[in-house]
Amino acid sequence: IFITGGTGFVGKLLIEKLLRECPGIS
């Protein structure tokens, strides 16, 4: 996955949720 704005409020929440609930992400 490619994410822009990852250092912002929504971006941080998005990264955290993907890491925690989608374990198969490369």
mmCIF file of all heavy atoms, coordinates in Angstrom:
data_MODEL
# 
_entry.id   MODEL 
# 
loop_
_atom_site.group_PDB 
_atom_site.id 
_atom_site.type_symbol 
_atom_site.label_atom_id 
_atom_site.label_alt_id 
_atom_site.label_comp_id 
_atom_site.label_asym_id 
_atom_site.label_entity_id 
_atom_site.label_seq_id 
_atom_site.pdbx_PDB_ins_code 
_atom_site.Cartn_x 
_atom_site.Cartn_y 
_atom_site.Cartn_z 
_atom_site.occupancy 
_atom_site.B_iso_or_equiv 
_atom_site.pdbx_formal_charge 
_atom_site.auth_seq_id 
_atom_site.auth_comp_id 
_atom_site.auth_asym_id 
_atom_site.auth_atom_id 
_atom_site.pdbx_PDB_model_num 
ATOM 1   N N   . ILE A 1 1  ? 0.835   -1.196  0.000  1.00 0.00 ? 1  ILE A N   1 
ATOM 2   C CA  . ILE A 1 1  ? 0.000   0.000   0.000  1.00 0.00 ? 1  ILE A CA  1 
ATOM 3   C C   . ILE A 1 1  ? 0.869   1.246   0.000  1.00 0.00 ? 1  ILE A C   1 
ATOM 4   O O   . ILE A 1 1  ? 1.893   1.311   0.697  1.00 0.00 ? 1  ILE A O   1 
ATOM 5   C CB  . ILE A 1 1  ? -0.919  0.006   1.242  1.00 0.00 ? 1  ILE A CB  1 
ATOM 6   C CG1 . ILE A 1 1  ? -1.776  -1.264  1.250  1.00 0.00 ? 1  ILE A CG1 1 
ATOM 7   C CG2 . ILE A 1 1  ? -1.802  1.240   1.285  1.00 0.00 ? 1  ILE A CG2 1 
ATOM 8   C CD1 . ILE A 1 1  ? -2.444  -1.531  2.570  1.00 0.00 ? 1  ILE A CD1 1 
ATOM 9   N N   . PHE A 1 2  ? 0.463   2.240   -0.768 1.00 0.00 ? 2  PHE A N   1 
ATOM 10  C CA  . PHE A 1 2  ? 1.148   3.536   -0.787 1.00 0.00 ? 2  PHE A CA  1 
ATOM 11  C C   . PHE A 1 2  ? 0.220   4.563   -0.156 1.00 0.00 ? 2  PHE A C   1 
ATOM 12  O O   . PHE A 1 2  ? -0.943  4.679   -0.539 1.00 0.00 ? 2  PHE A O   1 
ATOM 13  C CB  . PHE A 1 2  ? 1.490   3.937   -2.214 1.00 0.00 ? 2  PHE A CB  1 
ATOM 14  C CG  . PHE A 1 2  ? 2.138   5.303   -2.338 1.00 0.00 ? 2  PHE A CG  1 
ATOM 15  C CD1 . PHE A 1 2  ? 3.314   5.590   -1.668 1.00 0.00 ? 2  PHE A CD1 1 
ATOM 16  C CD2 . PHE A 1 2  ? 1.560   6.300   -3.127 1.00 0.00 ? 2  PHE A CD2 1 
ATOM 17  C CE1 . PHE A 1 2  ? 3.924   6.848   -1.780 1.00 0.00 ? 2  PHE A CE1 1 
ATOM 18  C CE2 . PHE A 1 2  ? 2.152   7.551   -3.253 1.00 0.00 ? 2  PHE A CE2 1 
ATOM 19  C CZ  . PHE A 1 2  ? 3.331   7.822   -2.575 1.00 0.00 ? 2  PHE A CZ  1 
ATOM 20  N N   . ILE A 1 3  ? 0.738   5.312   0.843  1.00 0.00 ? 3  ILE A N   1 
ATOM 21  C CA  . ILE A 1 3  ? -0.070  6.292   1.567  1.00 0.00 ? 3  ILE A CA  1 
ATOM 22  C C   . ILE A 1 3  ? 0.632   7.645   1.563  1.00 0.00 ? 3  ILE A C   1 
ATOM 23  O O   . ILE A 1 3  ? 1.802   7.756   1.930  1.00 0.00 ? 3  ILE A O   1 
ATOM 24  C CB  . ILE A 1 3  ? -0.305  5.853   3.026  1.00 0.00 ? 3  ILE A CB  1 
ATOM 25  C CG1 . ILE A 1 3  ? -1.071  4.527   3.072  1.00 0.00 ? 3  ILE A CG1 1 
ATOM 26  C CG2 . ILE A 1 3  ? -1.064  6.921   3.809  1.00 0.00 ? 3  ILE A CG2 1 
ATOM 27  C CD1 . ILE A 1 3  ? -1.224  3.952   4.477  1.00 0.00 ? 3  ILE A CD1 1 
ATOM 28  N N   . THR A 1 4  ? -0.095  8.685   1.151  1.00 0.00 ? 4  THR A N   1 
ATOM 29  C CA  . THR A 1 4  ? 0.382   10.058  1.337  1.00 0.00 ? 4  THR A CA  1 
ATOM 30  C C   . THR A 1 4  ? -0.339  10.621  2.561  1.00 0.00 ? 4  THR A C   1 
ATOM 31  O O   . THR A 1 4  ? -1.458  10.216  2.872  1.00 0.00 ? 4  THR A O   1 
ATOM 32  C CB  . THR A 1 4  ? 0.074   10.941  0.118  1.00 0.00 ? 4  THR A CB  1 
ATOM 33  O OG1 . THR A 1 4  ? -1.347  11.143  0.020  1.00 0.00 ? 4  THR A OG1 1 
ATOM 34  C CG2 . THR A 1 4  ? 0.599   10.317  -1.165 1.00 0.00 ? 4  THR A CG2 1 
ATOM 35  N N   . GLY A 1 5  ? 0.287   11.551  3.260  1.00 0.00 ? 5  GLY A N   1 
ATOM 36  C CA  . GLY A 1 5  ? -0.345  12.127  4.447  1.00 0.00 ? 5  GLY A CA  1 
ATOM 37  C C   . GLY A 1 5  ? -0.300  11.216  5.652  1.00 0.00 ? 5  GLY A C   1 
ATOM 38  O O   . GLY A 1 5  ? -1.100  11.347  6.575  1.00 0.00 ? 5  GLY A O   1 
ATOM 39  N N   . GLY A 1 6  ? 0.650   10.295  5.665  1.00 0.00 ? 6  GLY A N   1 
ATOM 40  C CA  . GLY A 1 6  ? 0.754   9.337   6.764  1.00 0.00 ? 6  GLY A CA  1 
ATOM 41  C C   . GLY A 1 6  ? 1.175   9.943   8.088  1.00 0.00 ? 6  GLY A C   1 
ATOM 42  O O   . GLY A 1 6  ? 1.018   9.315   9.133  1.00 0.00 ? 6  GLY A O   1 
ATOM 43  N N   . THR A 1 7  ? 1.710   11.169  8.070  1.00 0.00 ? 7  THR A N   1 
ATOM 44  C CA  . THR A 1 7  ? 2.134   11.810  9.326  1.00 0.00 ? 7  THR A CA  1 
ATOM 45  C C   . THR A 1 7  ? 1.014   12.652  9.933  1.00 0.00 ? 7  THR A C   1 
ATOM 46  O O   . THR A 1 7  ? 1.180   13.212  11.006 1.00 0.00 ? 7  THR A O   1 
ATOM 47  C CB  . THR A 1 7  ? 3.362   12.710  9.090  1.00 0.00 ? 7  THR A CB  1 
ATOM 48  O OG1 . THR A 1 7  ? 3.041   13.683  8.084  1.00 0.00 ? 7  THR A OG1 1 
ATOM 49  C CG2 . THR A 1 7  ? 4.560   11.896  8.644  1.00 0.00 ? 7  THR A CG2 1 
ATOM 50  N N   . GLY A 1 8  ? -0.143  12.751  9.245  1.00 0.00 ? 8  GLY A N   1 
ATOM 51  C CA  . GLY A 1 8  ? -1.274  13.498  9.760  1.00 0.00 ? 8  GLY A CA  1 
ATOM 52  C C   . GLY A 1 8  ? -2.175  12.646  10.635 1.00 0.00 ? 8  GLY A C   1 
ATOM 53  O O   . GLY A 1 8  ? -1.948  11.450  10.823 1.00 0.00 ? 8  GLY A O   1 
ATOM 54  N N   . PHE A 1 9  ? -3.221  13.260  11.168 1.00 0.00 ? 9  PHE A N   1 
ATOM 55  C CA  . PHE A 1 9  ? -4.129  12.591  12.109 1.00 0.00 ? 9  PHE A CA  1 
ATOM 56  C C   . PHE A 1 9  ? -4.792  11.360  11.493 1.00 0.00 ? 9  PHE A C   1 
ATOM 57  O O   . PHE A 1 9  ? -4.672  10.247  12.011 1.00 0.00 ? 9  PHE A O   1 
ATOM 58  C CB  . PHE A 1 9  ? -5.188  13.604  12.575 1.00 0.00 ? 9  PHE A CB  1 
ATOM 59  C CG  . PHE A 1 9  ? -6.246  13.018  13.465 1.00 0.00 ? 9  PHE A CG  1 
ATOM 60  C CD1 . PHE A 1 9  ? -5.908  12.420  14.664 1.00 0.00 ? 9  PHE A CD1 1 
ATOM 61  C CD2 . PHE A 1 9  ? -7.590  13.077  13.107 1.00 0.00 ? 9  PHE A CD2 1 
ATOM 62  C CE1 . PHE A 1 9  ? -6.896  11.875  15.503 1.00 0.00 ? 9  PHE A CE1 1 
ATOM 63  C CE2 . PHE A 1 9  ? -8.575  12.550  13.928 1.00 0.00 ? 9  PHE A CE2 1 
ATOM 64  C CZ  . PHE A 1 9  ? -8.221  11.948  15.123 1.00 0.00 ? 9  PHE A CZ  1 
ATOM 65  N N   . VAL A 1 10 ? -5.474  11.540  10.367 1.00 0.00 ? 10 VAL A N   1 
ATOM 66  C CA  . VAL A 1 10 ? -6.142  10.418  9.704  1.00 0.00 ? 10 VAL A CA  1 
ATOM 67  C C   . VAL A 1 10 ? -5.118  9.413   9.188  1.00 0.00 ? 10 VAL A C   1 
ATOM 68  O O   . VAL A 1 10 ? -5.324  8.196   9.279  1.00 0.00 ? 10 VAL A O   1 
ATOM 69  C CB  . VAL A 1 10 ? -7.041  10.915  8.555  1.00 0.00 ? 10 VAL A CB  1 
ATOM 70  C CG1 . VAL A 1 10 ? -7.599  9.750   7.745  1.00 0.00 ? 10 VAL A CG1 1 
ATOM 71  C CG2 . VAL A 1 10 ? -8.193  11.758  9.107  1.00 0.00 ? 10 VAL A CG2 1 
ATOM 72  N N   . GLY A 1 11 ? -3.993  9.914   8.676  1.00 0.00 ? 11 GLY A N   1 
ATOM 73  C CA  . GLY A 1 11 ? -2.950  9.029   8.149  1.00 0.00 ? 11 GLY A CA  1 
ATOM 74  C C   . GLY A 1 11 ? -2.396  8.086   9.202  1.00 0.00 ? 11 GLY A C   1 
ATOM 75  O O   . GLY A 1 11 ? -2.208  6.889   8.947  1.00 0.00 ? 11 GLY A O   1 
ATOM 76  N N   . LYS A 1 12 ? -2.136  8.602   10.396 1.00 0.00 ? 12 LYS A N   1 
ATOM 77  C CA  . LYS A 1 12 ? -1.622  7.750   11.483 1.00 0.00 ? 12 LYS A CA  1 
ATOM 78  C C   . LYS A 1 12 ? -2.632  6.663   11.856 1.00 0.00 ? 12 LYS A C   1 
ATOM 79  O O   . LYS A 1 12 ? -2.263  5.499   12.050 1.00 0.00 ? 12 LYS A O   1 
ATOM 80  C CB  . LYS A 1 12 ? -1.322  8.607   12.715 1.00 0.00 ? 12 LYS A CB  1 
ATOM 81  C CG  . LYS A 1 12 ? -0.120  9.531   12.587 1.00 0.00 ? 12 LYS A CG  1 
ATOM 82  C CD  . LYS A 1 12 ? 0.003   10.370  13.846 1.00 0.00 ? 12 LYS A CD  1 
ATOM 83  C CE  . LYS A 1 12 ? 1.071   11.437  13.701 1.00 0.00 ? 12 LYS A CE  1 
ATOM 84  N NZ  . LYS A 1 12 ? 1.105   12.323  14.893 1.00 0.00 ? 12 LYS A NZ  1 
ATOM 85  N N   . LEU A 1 13 ? -3.890  7.069   11.977 1.00 0.00 ? 13 LEU A N   1 
ATOM 86  C CA  . LEU A 1 13 ? -4.931  6.091   12.310 1.00 0.00 ? 13 LEU A CA  1 
ATOM 87  C C   . LEU A 1 13 ? -5.057  5.014   11.235 1.00 0.00 ? 13 LEU A C   1 
ATOM 88  O O   . LEU A 1 13 ? -5.260  3.833   11.534 1.00 0.00 ? 13 LEU A O   1 
ATOM 89  C CB  . LEU A 1 13 ? -6.277  6.811   12.488 1.00 0.00 ? 13 LEU A CB  1 
ATOM 90  C CG  . LEU A 1 13 ? -6.439  7.648   13.755 1.00 0.00 ? 13 LEU A CG  1 
ATOM 91  C CD1 . LEU A 1 13 ? -7.711  8.485   13.683 1.00 0.00 ? 13 LEU A CD1 1 
ATOM 92  C CD2 . LEU A 1 13 ? -6.460  6.768   14.996 1.00 0.00 ? 13 LEU A CD2 1 
ATOM 93  N N   . LEU A 1 14 ? -4.922  5.426   9.979  1.00 0.00 ? 14 LEU A N   1 
ATOM 94  C CA  . LEU A 1 14 ? -5.003  4.489   8.860  1.00 0.00 ? 14 LEU A CA  1 
ATOM 95  C C   . LEU A 1 14 ? -3.864  3.474   8.921  1.00 0.00 ? 14 LEU A C   1 
ATOM 96  O O   . LEU A 1 14 ? -4.085  2.255   8.782  1.00 0.00 ? 14 LEU A O   1 
ATOM 97  C CB  . LEU A 1 14 ? -4.965  5.256   7.543  1.00 0.00 ? 14 LEU A CB  1 
ATOM 98  C CG  . LEU A 1 14 ? -4.935  4.432   6.247  1.00 0.00 ? 14 LEU A CG  1 
ATOM 99  C CD1 . LEU A 1 14 ? -6.167  3.555   6.137  1.00 0.00 ? 14 LEU A CD1 1 
ATOM 100 C CD2 . LEU A 1 14 ? -4.804  5.353   5.036  1.00 0.00 ? 14 LEU A CD2 1 
ATOM 101 N N   . ILE A 1 15 ? -2.645  3.946   9.132  1.00 0.00 ? 15 ILE A N   1 
ATOM 102 C CA  . ILE A 1 15 ? -1.476  3.052   9.213  1.00 0.00 ? 15 ILE A CA  1 
ATOM 103 C C   . ILE A 1 15 ? -1.652  2.062   10.357 1.00 0.00 ? 15 ILE A C   1 
ATOM 104 O O   . ILE A 1 15 ? -1.451  0.857   10.199 1.00 0.00 ? 15 ILE A O   1 
ATOM 105 C CB  . ILE A 1 15 ? -0.188  3.877   9.405  1.00 0.00 ? 15 ILE A CB  1 
ATOM 106 C CG1 . ILE A 1 15 ? 0.086   4.747   8.179  1.00 0.00 ? 15 ILE A CG1 1 
ATOM 107 C CG2 . ILE A 1 15 ? 1.002   2.961   9.685  1.00 0.00 ? 15 ILE A CG2 1 
ATOM 108 C CD1 . ILE A 1 15 ? 1.110   5.847   8.441  1.00 0.00 ? 15 ILE A CD1 1 
ATOM 109 N N   . GLU A 1 16 ? -2.038  2.574   11.530 1.00 0.00 ? 16 GLU A N   1 
ATOM 110 C CA  . GLU A 1 16 ? -2.181  1.722   12.709 1.00 0.00 ? 16 GLU A CA  1 
ATOM 111 C C   . GLU A 1 16 ? -3.215  0.631   12.495 1.00 0.00 ? 16 GLU A C   1 
ATOM 112 O O   . GLU A 1 16 ? -2.987  -0.542  12.809 1.00 0.00 ? 16 GLU A O   1 
ATOM 113 C CB  . GLU A 1 16 ? -2.565  2.601   13.906 1.00 0.00 ? 16 GLU A CB  1 
ATOM 114 C CG  . GLU A 1 16 ? -2.437  1.924   15.272 1.00 0.00 ? 16 GLU A CG  1 
ATOM 115 C CD  . GLU A 1 16 ? -3.615  1.023   15.617 1.00 0.00 ? 16 GLU A CD  1 
ATOM 116 O OE1 . GLU A 1 16 ? -4.722  1.223   15.043 1.00 0.00 ? 16 GLU A OE1 1 
ATOM 117 O OE2 . GLU A 1 16 ? -3.443  0.104   16.442 1.00 0.00 ? 16 GLU A OE2 1 
ATOM 118 N N   . LYS A 1 17 ? -4.342  1.005   11.917 1.00 0.00 ? 17 LYS A N   1 
ATOM 119 C CA  . LYS A 1 17 ? -5.422  0.035   11.720 1.00 0.00 ? 17 LYS A CA  1 
ATOM 120 C C   . LYS A 1 17 ? -5.038  -1.032  10.702 1.00 0.00 ? 17 LYS A C   1 
ATOM 121 O O   . LYS A 1 17 ? -5.303  -2.225  10.902 1.00 0.00 ? 17 LYS A O   1 
ATOM 122 C CB  . LYS A 1 17 ? -6.692  0.767   11.263 1.00 0.00 ? 17 LYS A CB  1 
ATOM 123 C CG  . LYS A 1 17 ? -7.893  -0.149  11.092 1.00 0.00 ? 17 LYS A CG  1 
ATOM 124 C CD  . LYS A 1 17 ? -8.358  -0.734  12.423 1.00 0.00 ? 17 LYS A CD  1 
ATOM 125 C CE  . LYS A 1 17 ? -9.631  -1.550  12.229 1.00 0.00 ? 17 LYS A CE  1 
ATOM 126 N NZ  . LYS A 1 17 ? -10.194 -2.000  13.511 1.00 0.00 ? 17 LYS A NZ  1 
ATOM 127 N N   . LEU A 1 18 ? -4.408  -0.632  9.630  1.00 0.00 ? 18 LEU A N   1 
ATOM 128 C CA  . LEU A 1 18 ? -3.971  -1.592  8.613  1.00 0.00 ? 18 LEU A CA  1 
ATOM 129 C C   . LEU A 1 18 ? -2.969  -2.584  9.204  1.00 0.00 ? 18 LEU A C   1 
ATOM 130 O O   . LEU A 1 18 ? -3.048  -3.793  8.952  1.00 0.00 ? 18 LEU A O   1 
ATOM 131 C CB  . LEU A 1 18 ? -3.349  -0.861  7.424  1.00 0.00 ? 18 LEU A CB  1 
ATOM 132 C CG  . LEU A 1 18 ? -4.318  -0.106  6.505  1.00 0.00 ? 18 LEU A CG  1 
ATOM 133 C CD1 . LEU A 1 18 ? -3.549  0.763   5.524  1.00 0.00 ? 18 LEU A CD1 1 
ATOM 134 C CD2 . LEU A 1 18 ? -5.231  -1.074  5.747  1.00 0.00 ? 18 LEU A CD2 1 
ATOM 135 N N   . LEU A 1 19 ? -2.031  -2.094  9.980  1.00 0.00 ? 19 LEU A N   1 
ATOM 136 C CA  . LEU A 1 19 ? -1.026  -2.971  10.592 1.00 0.00 ? 19 LEU A CA  1 
ATOM 137 C C   . LEU A 1 19 ? -1.657  -3.937  11.586 1.00 0.00 ? 19 LEU A C   1 
ATOM 138 O O   . LEU A 1 19 ? -1.281  -5.106  11.659 1.00 0.00 ? 19 LEU A O   1 
ATOM 139 C CB  . LEU A 1 19 ? 0.039   -2.125  11.298 1.00 0.00 ? 19 LEU A CB  1 
ATOM 140 C CG  . LEU A 1 19 ? 1.000   -1.333  10.410 1.00 0.00 ? 19 LEU A CG  1 
ATOM 141 C CD1 . LEU A 1 19 ? 1.819   -0.368  11.255 1.00 0.00 ? 19 LEU A CD1 1 
ATOM 142 C CD2 . LEU A 1 19 ? 1.917   -2.262  9.623  1.00 0.00 ? 19 LEU A CD2 1 
ATOM 143 N N   . ARG A 1 20 ? -2.628  -3.450  12.342 1.00 0.00 ? 20 ARG A N   1 
ATOM 144 C CA  . ARG A 1 20 ? -3.204  -4.254  13.419 1.00 0.00 ? 20 ARG A CA  1 
ATOM 145 C C   . ARG A 1 20 ? -4.235  -5.265  12.930 1.00 0.00 ? 20 ARG A C   1 
ATOM 146 O O   . ARG A 1 20 ? -4.308  -6.380  13.434 1.00 0.00 ? 20 ARG A O   1 
ATOM 147 C CB  . ARG A 1 20 ? -3.822  -3.321  14.471 1.00 0.00 ? 20 ARG A CB  1 
ATOM 148 C CG  . ARG A 1 20 ? -4.378  -4.004  15.689 1.00 0.00 ? 20 ARG A CG  1 
ATOM 149 C CD  . ARG A 1 20 ? -4.553  -3.032  16.857 1.00 0.00 ? 20 ARG A CD  1 
ATOM 150 N NE  . ARG A 1 20 ? -5.197  -1.806  16.445 1.00 0.00 ? 20 ARG A NE  1 
ATOM 151 C CZ  . ARG A 1 20 ? -6.526  -1.623  16.383 1.00 0.00 ? 20 ARG A CZ  1 
ATOM 152 N NH1 . ARG A 1 20 ? -7.332  -2.613  16.711 1.00 0.00 ? 20 ARG A NH1 1 
ATOM 153 N NH2 . ARG A 1 20 ? -7.035  -0.462  16.024 1.00 0.00 ? 20 ARG A NH2 1 
ATOM 154 N N   . GLU A 1 21 ? -5.059  -4.887  11.962 1.00 0.00 ? 21 GLU A N   1 
ATOM 155 C CA  . GLU A 1 21 ? -6.165  -5.755  11.558 1.00 0.00 ? 21 GLU A CA  1 
ATOM 156 C C   . GLU A 1 21 ? -5.970  -6.453  10.209 1.00 0.00 ? 21 GLU A C   1 
ATOM 157 O O   . GLU A 1 21 ? -6.777  -7.295  9.837  1.00 0.00 ? 21 GLU A O   1 
ATOM 158 C CB  . GLU A 1 21 ? -7.476  -4.963  11.530 1.00 0.00 ? 21 GLU A CB  1 
ATOM 159 C CG  . GLU A 1 21 ? -8.025  -4.610  12.895 1.00 0.00 ? 21 GLU A CG  1 
ATOM 160 C CD  . GLU A 1 21 ? -8.383  -5.829  13.741 1.00 0.00 ? 21 GLU A CD  1 
ATOM 161 O OE1 . GLU A 1 21 ? -8.626  -6.906  13.153 1.00 0.00 ? 21 GLU A OE1 1 
ATOM 162 O OE2 . GLU A 1 21 ? -8.398  -5.703  14.970 1.00 0.00 ? 21 GLU A OE2 1 
ATOM 163 N N   . CYS A 1 22 ? -4.927  -6.068  9.481  1.00 0.00 ? 22 CYS A N   1 
ATOM 164 C CA  . CYS A 1 22 ? -4.661  -6.722  8.188  1.00 0.00 ? 22 CYS A CA  1 
ATOM 165 C C   . CYS A 1 22 ? -3.258  -7.314  8.229  1.00 0.00 ? 22 CYS A C   1 
ATOM 166 O O   . CYS A 1 22 ? -2.311  -6.752  7.647  1.00 0.00 ? 22 CYS A O   1 
ATOM 167 C CB  . CYS A 1 22 ? -4.799  -5.721  7.039  1.00 0.00 ? 22 CYS A CB  1 
ATOM 168 S SG  . CYS A 1 22 ? -6.439  -4.975  6.934  1.00 0.00 ? 22 CYS A SG  1 
ATOM 169 N N   . PRO A 1 23 ? -3.088  -8.433  8.909  1.00 0.00 ? 23 PRO A N   1 
ATOM 170 C CA  . PRO A 1 23 ? -1.751  -8.986  9.157  1.00 0.00 ? 23 PRO A CA  1 
ATOM 171 C C   . PRO A 1 23 ? -1.015  -9.431  7.904  1.00 0.00 ? 23 PRO A C   1 
ATOM 172 O O   . PRO A 1 23 ? 0.202   -9.557  7.920  1.00 0.00 ? 23 PRO A O   1 
ATOM 173 C CB  . PRO A 1 23 ? -2.033  -10.185 10.073 1.00 0.00 ? 23 PRO A CB  1 
ATOM 174 C CG  . PRO A 1 23 ? -3.442  -10.577 9.766  1.00 0.00 ? 23 PRO A CG  1 
ATOM 175 C CD  . PRO A 1 23 ? -4.152  -9.295  9.476  1.00 0.00 ? 23 PRO A CD  1 
ATOM 176 N N   . GLY A 1 24 ? -1.744  -9.680  6.821  1.00 0.00 ? 24 GLY A N   1 
ATOM 177 C CA  . GLY A 1 24 ? -1.087  -10.181 5.620  1.00 0.00 ? 24 GLY A CA  1 
ATOM 178 C C   . GLY A 1 24 ? -0.542  -9.115  4.700  1.00 0.00 ? 24 GLY A C   1 
ATOM 179 O O   . GLY A 1 24 ? -0.037  -9.432  3.618  1.00 0.00 ? 24 GLY A O   1 
ATOM 180 N N   . ILE A 1 25 ? -0.612  -7.847  5.088  1.00 0.00 ? 25 ILE A N   1 
ATOM 181 C CA  . ILE A 1 25 ? -0.078  -6.779  4.244  1.00 0.00 ? 25 ILE A CA  1 
ATOM 182 C C   . ILE A 1 25 ? 1.431   -6.968  4.054  1.00 0.00 ? 25 ILE A C   1 
ATOM 183 O O   . ILE A 1 25 ? 2.160   -7.259  5.008  1.00 0.00 ? 25 ILE A O   1 
ATOM 184 C CB  . ILE A 1 25 ? -0.365  -5.394  4.870  1.00 0.00 ? 25 ILE A CB  1 
ATOM 185 C CG1 . ILE A 1 25 ? -1.841  -5.037  4.669  1.00 0.00 ? 25 ILE A CG1 1 
ATOM 186 C CG2 . ILE A 1 25 ? 0.517   -4.304  4.280  1.00 0.00 ? 25 ILE A CG2 1 
ATOM 187 C CD1 . ILE A 1 25 ? -2.251  -3.748  5.333  1.00 0.00 ? 25 ILE A CD1 1 
ATOM 188 N N   . SER A 1 26 ? 1.882   -6.792  2.827  1.00 0.00 ? 26 SER A N   1 
ATOM 189 C CA  . SER A 1 26 ? 3.317   -6.951  2.546  1.00 0.00 ? 26 SER A CA  1 
ATOM 190 C C   . SER A 1 26 ? 4.088   -5.747  3.064  1.00 0.00 ? 26 SER A C   1 
ATOM 191 O O   . SER A 1 26 ? 4.853   -5.840  4.017  1.00 0.00 ? 26 SER A O   1 
ATOM 192 C CB  . SER A 1 26 ? 3.545   -7.121  1.036  1.00 0.00 ? 26 SER A CB  1 
ATOM 193 O OG  . SER A 1 26 ? 2.927   -8.297  0.575  1.00 0.00 ? 26 SER A OG  1 
# 
